Amino acid sequence: MDLNTILKEKKEKNILLKKKFWLPVKDKAIGLIKISNKALIKDLRDWLISLPSGFILEVDWAATEKIWENIIATSKIDENDLIWFDFIVCDNTIENLNKYFELGITPLISSKNHLNSILKEFNPVKNEWNSYLFETLDKWSVFYSIVRYLENFKFPFDNKNLVKNVINL
């Protein structure tokens, strides 16, 4: 799919995903959290409630349940629902990031990931690179990367360039 098709589909399907997972319609971005560390997920969960975004935690130890107004936990996301996500927060245990890149889903991942030769911190001034990186897998670094991403998401031109860079990986 090309950039315009992906962005159009994301916009159209955004509300459907919010309804499917009982997320507030007012929040613009929707993120998928795929981190295997339970303690980190619990720490982040308490902070994510304050952000203007919907979050779906994909964790193998939870049935689909509403944790907070903007946070849902589920054990599995249907592959057909992936197009609806704007970003993914993941650790180094994630496999096949290409399926997310093809759908224009921005990765928020450790700077020490296995794809560090192609994933670089997005620079909105120069409209280059394709991800948001955290230095360590702790609540402070991960949360900071989410906040930086959401700040960029507010600017349609910058976000469109970021998604274009992700698709072109």
N, C-alpha and C. Protein backbone atom coordinates (compact mmCIF):
# COMPACT_ATOMS: atom_id res chain seq x y z
N MET A 1 0.83 -1.19 0.00
CA MET A 1 0.00 0.00 0.00
C MET A 1 0.87 1.25 0.00
N ASP A 2 0.36 2.29 -0.64
CA ASP A 2 1.11 3.54 -0.65
C ASP A 2 0.73 4.39 0.56
N LEU A 3 1.48 5.44 0.77
CA LEU A 3 1.33 6.29 1.95
C LEU A 3 -0.07 6.87 2.08
N ASN A 4 -0.60 7.44 1.02
CA ASN A 4 -1.92 8.07 1.10
C ASN A 4 -3.02 7.06 1.41
N THR A 5 -2.92 5.86 0.85
CA THR A 5 -3.90 4.81 1.12
C THR A 5 -3.84 4.40 2.59
N ILE A 6 -2.63 4.22 3.10
CA ILE A 6 -2.47 3.82 4.50
C ILE A 6 -3.02 4.90 5.43
N LEU A 7 -2.67 6.16 5.19
CA LEU A 7 -3.15 7.23 6.06
C LEU A 7 -4.67 7.36 6.00
N LYS A 8 -5.24 7.19 4.82
CA LYS A 8 -6.69 7.27 4.67
C LYS A 8 -7.37 6.13 5.43
N GLU A 9 -6.83 4.91 5.28
CA GLU A 9 -7.40 3.76 5.98
C GLU A 9 -7.29 3.91 7.49
N LYS A 10 -6.14 4.38 7.95
CA LYS A 10 -5.96 4.59 9.38
C LYS A 10 -7.02 5.55 9.94
N LYS A 11 -7.24 6.62 9.22
CA LYS A 11 -8.21 7.63 9.67
C LYS A 11 -9.62 7.03 9.69
N GLU A 12 -9.97 6.29 8.66
CA GLU A 12 -11.31 5.70 8.56
C GLU A 12 -11.54 4.62 9.62
N LYS A 13 -10.53 3.82 9.87
CA LYS A 13 -10.68 2.68 10.78
C LYS A 13 -10.43 3.03 12.24
N ASN A 14 -9.87 4.21 12.49
CA ASN A 14 -9.53 4.62 13.84
C ASN A 14 -10.73 4.53 14.79
N ILE A 15 -11.85 5.05 14.38
CA ILE A 15 -13.03 5.05 15.24
C ILE A 15 -13.56 3.63 15.44
N LEU A 16 -13.46 2.80 14.43
CA LEU A 16 -13.91 1.41 14.58
C LEU A 16 -13.11 0.67 15.64
N LEU A 17 -11.81 0.88 15.66
CA LEU A 17 -10.97 0.23 16.67
C LEU A 17 -11.32 0.76 18.06
N LYS A 18 -11.53 2.05 18.16
CA LYS A 18 -11.89 2.64 19.45
C LYS A 18 -13.21 2.04 19.97
N LYS A 19 -14.16 1.86 19.08
CA LYS A 19 -15.43 1.26 19.50
C LYS A 19 -15.24 -0.21 19.87
N LYS A 20 -14.47 -0.91 19.09
CA LYS A 20 -14.25 -2.34 19.34
C LYS A 20 -13.62 -2.56 20.72
N PHE A 21 -12.70 -1.68 21.10
CA PHE A 21 -11.98 -1.84 22.36
C PHE A 21 -12.41 -0.83 23.43
N TRP A 22 -13.56 -0.19 23.26
CA TRP A 22 -14.13 0.70 24.28
C TRP A 22 -13.20 1.85 24.64
N LEU A 23 -12.48 2.38 23.68
CA LEU A 23 -11.55 3.49 23.94
C LEU A 23 -12.24 4.83 23.65
N PRO A 24 -11.82 5.90 24.31
CA PRO A 24 -12.43 7.22 24.07
C PRO A 24 -12.19 7.70 22.64
N VAL A 25 -13.22 8.21 22.03
CA VAL A 25 -13.12 8.70 20.64
C VAL A 25 -12.28 9.97 20.57
N LYS A 26 -12.27 10.76 21.65
CA LYS A 26 -11.55 12.04 21.63
C LYS A 26 -10.04 11.88 21.49
N ASP A 27 -9.48 10.76 21.93
CA ASP A 27 -8.04 10.53 21.80
C ASP A 27 -7.72 10.20 20.35
N LYS A 28 -6.72 10.85 19.81
CA LYS A 28 -6.40 10.69 18.38
C LYS A 28 -5.58 9.44 18.09
N ALA A 29 -4.42 9.30 18.72
CA ALA A 29 -3.51 8.20 18.43
C ALA A 29 -3.89 6.94 19.20
N ILE A 30 -3.59 5.81 18.59
CA ILE A 30 -3.81 4.52 19.24
C ILE A 30 -2.49 3.75 19.19
N GLY A 31 -2.05 3.30 20.36
CA GLY A 31 -0.79 2.58 20.43
C GLY A 31 -0.96 1.16 20.93
N LEU A 32 -0.11 0.30 20.41
CA LEU A 32 -0.05 -1.09 20.84
C LEU A 32 1.19 -1.25 21.69
N ILE A 33 1.04 -1.80 22.88
CA ILE A 33 2.16 -2.02 23.79
C ILE A 33 2.43 -3.52 23.83
N LYS A 34 3.62 -3.93 23.37
CA LYS A 34 4.00 -5.35 23.38
C LYS A 34 5.35 -5.47 24.10
N ILE A 35 5.27 -5.52 25.41
CA ILE A 35 6.47 -5.64 26.24
C ILE A 35 6.29 -6.87 27.11
N SER A 36 7.29 -7.71 27.19
CA SER A 36 7.16 -8.97 27.92
C SER A 36 7.36 -8.83 29.43
N ASN A 37 7.93 -7.75 29.90
CA ASN A 37 8.21 -7.54 31.31
C ASN A 37 6.94 -7.07 32.05
N LYS A 38 6.35 -7.96 32.86
CA LYS A 38 5.10 -7.65 33.56
C LYS A 38 5.23 -6.45 34.50
N ALA A 39 6.33 -6.38 35.22
CA ALA A 39 6.53 -5.27 36.16
C ALA A 39 6.57 -3.93 35.42
N LEU A 40 7.24 -3.90 34.29
CA LEU A 40 7.31 -2.68 33.49
C LEU A 40 5.93 -2.29 32.97
N ILE A 41 5.18 -3.26 32.50
CA ILE A 41 3.81 -3.00 32.01
C ILE A 41 2.98 -2.38 33.13
N LYS A 42 3.07 -2.93 34.33
CA LYS A 42 2.28 -2.40 35.45
C LYS A 42 2.71 -0.99 35.81
N ASP A 43 4.01 -0.72 35.79
CA ASP A 43 4.49 0.63 36.07
C ASP A 43 4.01 1.62 35.01
N LEU A 44 4.13 1.25 33.76
CA LEU A 44 3.71 2.12 32.67
C LEU A 44 2.21 2.37 32.69
N ARG A 45 1.48 1.34 32.98
CA ARG A 45 0.01 1.42 32.97
C ARG A 45 -0.48 2.59 33.83
N ASP A 46 0.14 2.78 34.97
CA ASP A 46 -0.28 3.86 35.87
C ASP A 46 0.01 5.24 35.28
N TRP A 47 0.99 5.34 34.40
CA TRP A 47 1.33 6.63 33.79
C TRP A 47 0.57 6.87 32.49
N LEU A 48 0.24 5.80 31.79
CA LEU A 48 -0.43 5.95 30.50
C LEU A 48 -1.81 6.57 30.62
N ILE A 49 -2.42 6.45 31.79
CA ILE A 49 -3.77 7.00 31.96
C ILE A 49 -3.80 8.51 31.79
N SER A 50 -2.65 9.14 31.97
CA SER A 50 -2.60 10.60 31.88
C SER A 50 -2.35 11.12 30.46
N LEU A 51 -2.11 10.23 29.52
CA LEU A 51 -1.78 10.66 28.16
C LEU A 51 -3.02 10.69 27.26
N PRO A 52 -3.04 11.62 26.28
CA PRO A 52 -4.19 11.74 25.38
C PRO A 52 -4.10 10.75 24.21
N SER A 53 -4.10 9.49 24.54
CA SER A 53 -3.98 8.44 23.54
C SER A 53 -4.66 7.19 24.05
N GLY A 54 -5.08 6.34 23.12
CA GLY A 54 -5.60 5.03 23.50
C GLY A 54 -4.47 4.02 23.47
N PHE A 55 -4.47 3.10 24.41
CA PHE A 55 -3.43 2.08 24.49
C PHE A 55 -4.05 0.70 24.60
N ILE A 56 -3.52 -0.22 23.82
CA ILE A 56 -3.91 -1.62 23.96
C ILE A 56 -2.66 -2.38 24.35
N LEU A 57 -2.74 -3.02 25.50
CA LEU A 57 -1.63 -3.82 26.01
C LEU A 57 -1.86 -5.25 25.54
N GLU A 58 -0.97 -5.74 24.69
CA GLU A 58 -1.07 -7.13 24.26
C GLU A 58 -0.17 -7.96 25.18
N VAL A 59 -0.82 -8.64 26.11
CA VAL A 59 -0.10 -9.42 27.11
C VAL A 59 -0.74 -10.80 27.19
N ASP A 60 0.08 -11.82 27.23
CA ASP A 60 -0.46 -13.19 27.20
C ASP A 60 -1.18 -13.58 28.49
N TRP A 61 -1.07 -12.80 29.53
CA TRP A 61 -1.66 -13.15 30.82
C TRP A 61 -2.98 -12.45 31.10
N ALA A 62 -3.60 -11.84 30.10
CA ALA A 62 -4.84 -11.10 30.36
C ALA A 62 -5.92 -11.48 29.35
N ALA A 63 -7.14 -11.56 29.87
CA ALA A 63 -8.28 -11.63 28.97
C ALA A 63 -8.56 -10.20 28.52
N THR A 64 -9.41 -10.02 27.54
CA THR A 64 -9.71 -8.65 27.09
C THR A 64 -10.49 -7.94 28.19
N GLU A 65 -9.89 -6.90 28.72
CA GLU A 65 -10.53 -6.17 29.80
C GLU A 65 -10.11 -4.70 29.76
N LYS A 66 -11.01 -3.88 30.23
CA LYS A 66 -10.74 -2.44 30.30
C LYS A 66 -10.01 -2.17 31.61
N ILE A 67 -8.80 -1.63 31.51
CA ILE A 67 -8.00 -1.33 32.69
C ILE A 67 -8.31 0.09 33.18
N TRP A 68 -8.43 0.98 32.23
CA TRP A 68 -8.73 2.38 32.50
C TRP A 68 -9.47 2.91 31.29
N GLU A 69 -9.94 4.12 31.35
CA GLU A 69 -10.71 4.69 30.23
C GLU A 69 -9.97 4.56 28.91
N ASN A 70 -8.65 4.77 28.92
CA ASN A 70 -7.89 4.76 27.67
C ASN A 70 -6.94 3.56 27.55
N ILE A 71 -7.10 2.54 28.40
CA ILE A 71 -6.19 1.39 28.38
C ILE A 71 -6.98 0.08 28.40
N ILE A 72 -6.71 -0.76 27.43
CA ILE A 72 -7.33 -2.08 27.33
C ILE A 72 -6.21 -3.11 27.34
N ALA A 73 -6.43 -4.20 28.04
CA ALA A 73 -5.48 -5.33 28.00
C ALA A 73 -6.15 -6.47 27.26
N THR A 74 -5.39 -7.14 26.41
CA THR A 74 -5.91 -8.29 25.68
C THR A 74 -4.76 -9.26 25.42
N SER A 75 -5.11 -10.51 25.21
CA SER A 75 -4.05 -11.50 25.01
C SER A 75 -3.59 -11.58 23.55
N LYS A 76 -4.44 -11.15 22.61
CA LYS A 76 -4.06 -11.25 21.20
C LYS A 76 -4.78 -10.22 20.37
N ILE A 77 -4.03 -9.55 19.52
CA ILE A 77 -4.60 -8.60 18.55
C ILE A 77 -4.73 -9.32 17.22
N ASP A 78 -5.89 -9.21 16.61
CA ASP A 78 -6.12 -9.79 15.29
C ASP A 78 -5.24 -9.07 14.27
N GLU A 79 -4.62 -9.83 13.40
CA GLU A 79 -3.74 -9.24 12.37
C GLU A 79 -4.47 -8.20 11.52
N ASN A 80 -5.76 -8.38 11.31
CA ASN A 80 -6.54 -7.43 10.51
C ASN A 80 -6.73 -6.09 11.21
N ASP A 81 -6.55 -6.07 12.52
CA ASP A 81 -6.71 -4.83 13.28
C ASP A 81 -5.44 -3.99 13.32
N LEU A 82 -4.32 -4.52 12.88
CA LEU A 82 -3.05 -3.80 12.99
C LEU A 82 -3.03 -2.48 12.23
N ILE A 83 -3.68 -2.39 11.09
CA ILE A 83 -3.68 -1.18 10.28
C ILE A 83 -4.19 0.02 11.08
N TRP A 84 -4.96 -0.24 12.11
CA TRP A 84 -5.58 0.83 12.87
C TRP A 84 -4.64 1.48 13.87
N PHE A 85 -3.51 0.87 14.13
CA PHE A 85 -2.59 1.40 15.13
C PHE A 85 -1.66 2.44 14.53
N ASP A 86 -1.35 3.45 15.33
CA ASP A 86 -0.43 4.50 14.90
C ASP A 86 1.01 4.18 15.31
N PHE A 87 1.16 3.55 16.47
CA PHE A 87 2.51 3.25 16.96
C PHE A 87 2.50 1.96 17.77
N ILE A 88 3.69 1.39 17.92
CA ILE A 88 3.88 0.19 18.73
C ILE A 88 5.07 0.42 19.65
N VAL A 89 4.87 0.11 20.92
CA VAL A 89 5.95 0.17 21.90
C VAL A 89 6.34 -1.27 22.18
N CYS A 90 7.60 -1.61 21.92
CA CYS A 90 8.00 -3.00 22.05
C CYS A 90 9.41 -3.14 22.60
N ASP A 91 9.66 -4.32 23.12
CA ASP A 91 11.02 -4.62 23.59
C ASP A 91 11.71 -5.45 22.51
N ASN A 92 12.86 -5.95 22.81
CA ASN A 92 13.64 -6.69 21.80
C ASN A 92 13.17 -8.11 21.57
N THR A 93 12.12 -8.55 22.25
CA THR A 93 11.62 -9.90 22.04
C THR A 93 10.64 -9.96 20.87
N ILE A 94 10.24 -8.83 20.35
CA ILE A 94 9.26 -8.81 19.26
C ILE A 94 9.88 -9.38 17.98
N GLU A 95 9.06 -10.11 17.26
CA GLU A 95 9.50 -10.69 15.98
C GLU A 95 8.73 -10.04 14.84
N ASN A 96 9.32 -10.06 13.68
CA ASN A 96 8.70 -9.60 12.43
C ASN A 96 8.14 -8.18 12.52
N LEU A 97 9.01 -7.25 12.78
CA LEU A 97 8.59 -5.84 12.78
C LEU A 97 8.18 -5.36 11.40
N ASN A 98 8.58 -6.06 10.36
CA ASN A 98 8.24 -5.64 8.99
C ASN A 98 6.74 -5.52 8.77
N LYS A 99 5.96 -6.40 9.38
CA LYS A 99 4.51 -6.32 9.18
C LYS A 99 3.95 -5.01 9.76
N TYR A 100 4.59 -4.47 10.78
CA TYR A 100 4.18 -3.18 11.34
C TYR A 100 4.65 -2.03 10.45
N PHE A 101 5.88 -2.14 9.95
CA PHE A 101 6.42 -1.10 9.07
C PHE A 101 5.56 -0.94 7.82
N GLU A 102 5.16 -2.07 7.22
CA GLU A 102 4.36 -2.04 5.99
C GLU A 102 3.03 -1.32 6.19
N LEU A 103 2.53 -1.32 7.42
CA LEU A 103 1.25 -0.68 7.72
C LEU A 103 1.43 0.74 8.27
N GLY A 104 2.66 1.23 8.26
CA GLY A 104 2.92 2.59 8.72
C GLY A 104 2.81 2.77 10.21
N ILE A 105 3.10 1.71 10.96
CA ILE A 105 3.04 1.77 12.42
C ILE A 105 4.43 2.14 12.93
N THR A 106 4.53 3.26 13.59
CA THR A 106 5.82 3.77 14.06
C THR A 106 6.33 2.95 15.24
N PRO A 107 7.56 2.44 15.15
CA PRO A 107 8.11 1.67 16.28
C PRO A 107 8.72 2.58 17.35
N LEU A 108 8.40 2.29 18.59
CA LEU A 108 9.06 2.89 19.75
C LEU A 108 9.77 1.73 20.41
N ILE A 109 11.08 1.70 20.30
CA ILE A 109 11.85 0.50 20.62
C ILE A 109 13.20 0.88 21.21
N SER A 110 13.83 -0.07 21.83
CA SER A 110 15.14 0.15 22.43
C SER A 110 16.17 0.55 21.37
N SER A 111 17.05 1.45 21.74
CA SER A 111 18.12 1.85 20.82
C SER A 111 19.11 0.70 20.60
N LYS A 112 19.04 -0.31 21.42
CA LYS A 112 19.93 -1.48 21.29
C LYS A 112 19.21 -2.65 20.61
N ASN A 113 18.23 -2.37 19.78
CA ASN A 113 17.46 -3.41 19.10
C ASN A 113 18.26 -4.03 17.96
N HIS A 114 17.78 -5.16 17.48
CA HIS A 114 18.47 -5.88 16.41
C HIS A 114 18.39 -5.17 15.05
N LEU A 115 17.57 -4.15 14.94
CA LEU A 115 17.46 -3.39 13.69
C LEU A 115 18.07 -1.99 13.82
N ASN A 116 19.01 -1.84 14.75
CA ASN A 116 19.54 -0.50 15.00
C ASN A 116 20.30 0.10 13.83
N SER A 117 20.59 -0.70 12.82
CA SER A 117 21.24 -0.13 11.63
C SER A 117 20.24 0.61 10.73
N ILE A 118 18.94 0.28 10.85
CA ILE A 118 17.95 0.96 10.01
C ILE A 118 16.94 1.78 10.81
N LEU A 119 16.82 1.53 12.11
CA LEU A 119 15.91 2.32 12.94
C LEU A 119 16.68 3.41 13.65
N LYS A 120 16.33 4.64 13.34
CA LYS A 120 16.98 5.81 13.93
C LYS A 120 15.91 6.76 14.45
N GLU A 121 16.27 7.54 15.45
CA GLU A 121 15.36 8.50 16.07
C GLU A 121 14.87 9.52 15.03
N PHE A 122 13.56 9.69 14.94
CA PHE A 122 12.97 10.63 13.99
C PHE A 122 13.39 12.05 14.33
N ASN A 123 13.78 12.79 13.29
CA ASN A 123 14.16 14.18 13.43
C ASN A 123 13.15 15.01 12.63
N PRO A 124 12.17 15.65 13.32
CA PRO A 124 11.14 16.39 12.59
C PRO A 124 11.66 17.63 11.87
N VAL A 125 12.77 18.19 12.32
CA VAL A 125 13.33 19.37 11.67
C VAL A 125 13.82 19.01 10.27
N LYS A 126 14.45 17.85 10.15
CA LYS A 126 14.97 17.41 8.86
C LYS A 126 14.06 16.39 8.16
N ASN A 127 12.98 15.99 8.84
CA ASN A 127 12.06 14.97 8.30
C ASN A 127 12.79 13.70 7.90
N GLU A 128 13.69 13.27 8.76
CA GLU A 128 14.40 12.04 8.45
C GLU A 128 14.34 11.06 9.60
N TRP A 129 14.54 9.84 9.29
CA TRP A 129 14.55 8.67 10.18
C TRP A 129 13.14 8.22 10.48
N ASN A 130 12.99 7.27 11.37
CA ASN A 130 11.77 6.47 11.32
C ASN A 130 11.28 5.84 12.62
N SER A 131 11.74 6.26 13.76
CA SER A 131 11.31 5.63 15.00
C SER A 131 11.54 6.56 16.18
N TYR A 132 11.10 6.12 17.33
CA TYR A 132 11.44 6.79 18.58
C TYR A 132 12.11 5.73 19.45
N LEU A 133 13.25 6.09 20.00
CA LEU A 133 14.07 5.11 20.70
C LEU A 133 14.14 5.44 22.19
N PHE A 134 14.22 4.38 22.98
CA PHE A 134 14.49 4.57 24.40
C PHE A 134 15.81 3.89 24.72
N GLU A 135 16.58 4.52 25.59
CA GLU A 135 17.94 4.04 25.90
C GLU A 135 17.94 2.77 26.73
N THR A 136 17.06 2.69 27.71
CA THR A 136 16.99 1.53 28.57
C THR A 136 15.55 1.07 28.69
N LEU A 137 15.36 -0.18 28.99
CA LEU A 137 14.02 -0.73 29.13
C LEU A 137 13.53 -0.51 30.57
N ASP A 138 13.29 0.75 30.89
CA ASP A 138 12.72 1.10 32.19
C ASP A 138 11.57 2.07 31.96
N LYS A 139 10.76 2.25 32.99
CA LYS A 139 9.54 3.04 32.84
C LYS A 139 9.80 4.48 32.41
N TRP A 140 10.88 5.08 32.89
CA TRP A 140 11.19 6.46 32.56
C TRP A 140 11.52 6.62 31.09
N SER A 141 12.40 5.79 30.59
CA SER A 141 12.83 5.90 29.18
C SER A 141 11.70 5.57 28.22
N VAL A 142 10.95 4.52 28.52
CA VAL A 142 9.85 4.12 27.64
C VAL A 142 8.77 5.20 27.62
N PHE A 143 8.40 5.68 28.79
CA PHE A 143 7.38 6.72 28.87
C PHE A 143 7.83 7.97 28.12
N TYR A 144 9.08 8.34 28.27
CA TYR A 144 9.60 9.52 27.57
C TYR A 144 9.51 9.35 26.05
N SER A 145 9.78 8.15 25.53
CA SER A 145 9.67 7.93 24.09
C SER A 145 8.21 8.06 23.63
N ILE A 146 7.28 7.59 24.45
CA ILE A 146 5.85 7.70 24.10
C ILE A 146 5.44 9.18 24.07
N VAL A 147 5.86 9.93 25.05
CA VAL A 147 5.52 11.36 25.10
C VAL A 147 6.11 12.10 23.89
N ARG A 148 7.35 11.79 23.52
CA ARG A 148 7.96 12.43 22.34
C ARG A 148 7.18 12.08 21.08
N TYR A 149 6.79 10.82 20.95
CA TYR A 149 6.01 10.42 19.78
C TYR A 149 4.68 11.18 19.74
N LEU A 150 3.96 11.21 20.86
CA LEU A 150 2.65 11.87 20.89
C LEU A 150 2.76 13.36 20.61
N GLU A 151 3.85 13.97 21.03
CA GLU A 151 4.07 15.38 20.72
C GLU A 151 4.21 15.58 19.21
N ASN A 152 4.94 14.70 18.56
CA ASN A 152 5.10 14.77 17.11
C ASN A 152 3.78 14.48 16.39
N PHE A 153 3.00 13.55 16.93
CA PHE A 153 1.74 13.14 16.31
C PHE A 153 0.77 14.31 16.15
N LYS A 154 0.89 15.31 16.99
CA LYS A 154 0.01 16.49 16.93
C LYS A 154 0.17 17.27 15.63
N PHE A 155 1.31 17.12 14.98
CA PHE A 155 1.62 17.89 13.77
C PHE A 155 1.46 17.00 12.54
N PRO A 156 0.35 17.15 11.81
CA PRO A 156 0.06 16.26 10.68
C PRO A 156 1.18 16.16 9.65
N PHE A 157 1.82 17.27 9.32
CA PHE A 157 2.90 17.23 8.33
C PHE A 157 4.06 16.36 8.82
N ASP A 158 4.47 16.57 10.07
CA ASP A 158 5.57 15.79 10.63
C ASP A 158 5.19 14.32 10.74
N ASN A 159 3.97 14.06 11.19
CA ASN A 159 3.55 12.67 11.35
C ASN A 159 3.47 11.96 9.99
N LYS A 160 3.01 12.66 8.97
CA LYS A 160 2.94 12.07 7.63
C LYS A 160 4.35 11.71 7.15
N ASN A 161 5.31 12.58 7.39
CA ASN A 161 6.70 12.28 7.00
C ASN A 161 7.26 11.11 7.79
N LEU A 162 6.93 11.02 9.05
CA LEU A 162 7.38 9.90 9.86
C LEU A 162 6.80 8.60 9.32
N VAL A 163 5.52 8.57 9.06
CA VAL A 163 4.87 7.35 8.53
C VAL A 163 5.48 6.99 7.17
N LYS A 164 5.74 7.98 6.34
CA LYS A 164 6.37 7.72 5.03
C LYS A 164 7.73 7.06 5.23
N ASN A 165 8.51 7.56 6.19
CA ASN A 165 9.83 6.98 6.45
C ASN A 165 9.71 5.56 6.99
N VAL A 166 8.71 5.28 7.78
CA VAL A 166 8.50 3.93 8.31
C VAL A 166 8.13 2.97 7.17
N ILE A 167 7.22 3.38 6.32
CA ILE A 167 6.79 2.53 5.20
C ILE A 167 7.95 2.20 4.28
N ASN A 168 8.86 3.15 4.10
CA ASN A 168 9.98 2.97 3.17
C ASN A 168 11.16 2.18 3.76
N LEU A 169 10.97 1.57 4.92
CA LEU A 169 12.07 0.78 5.51
C LEU A 169 12.41 -0.41 4.67
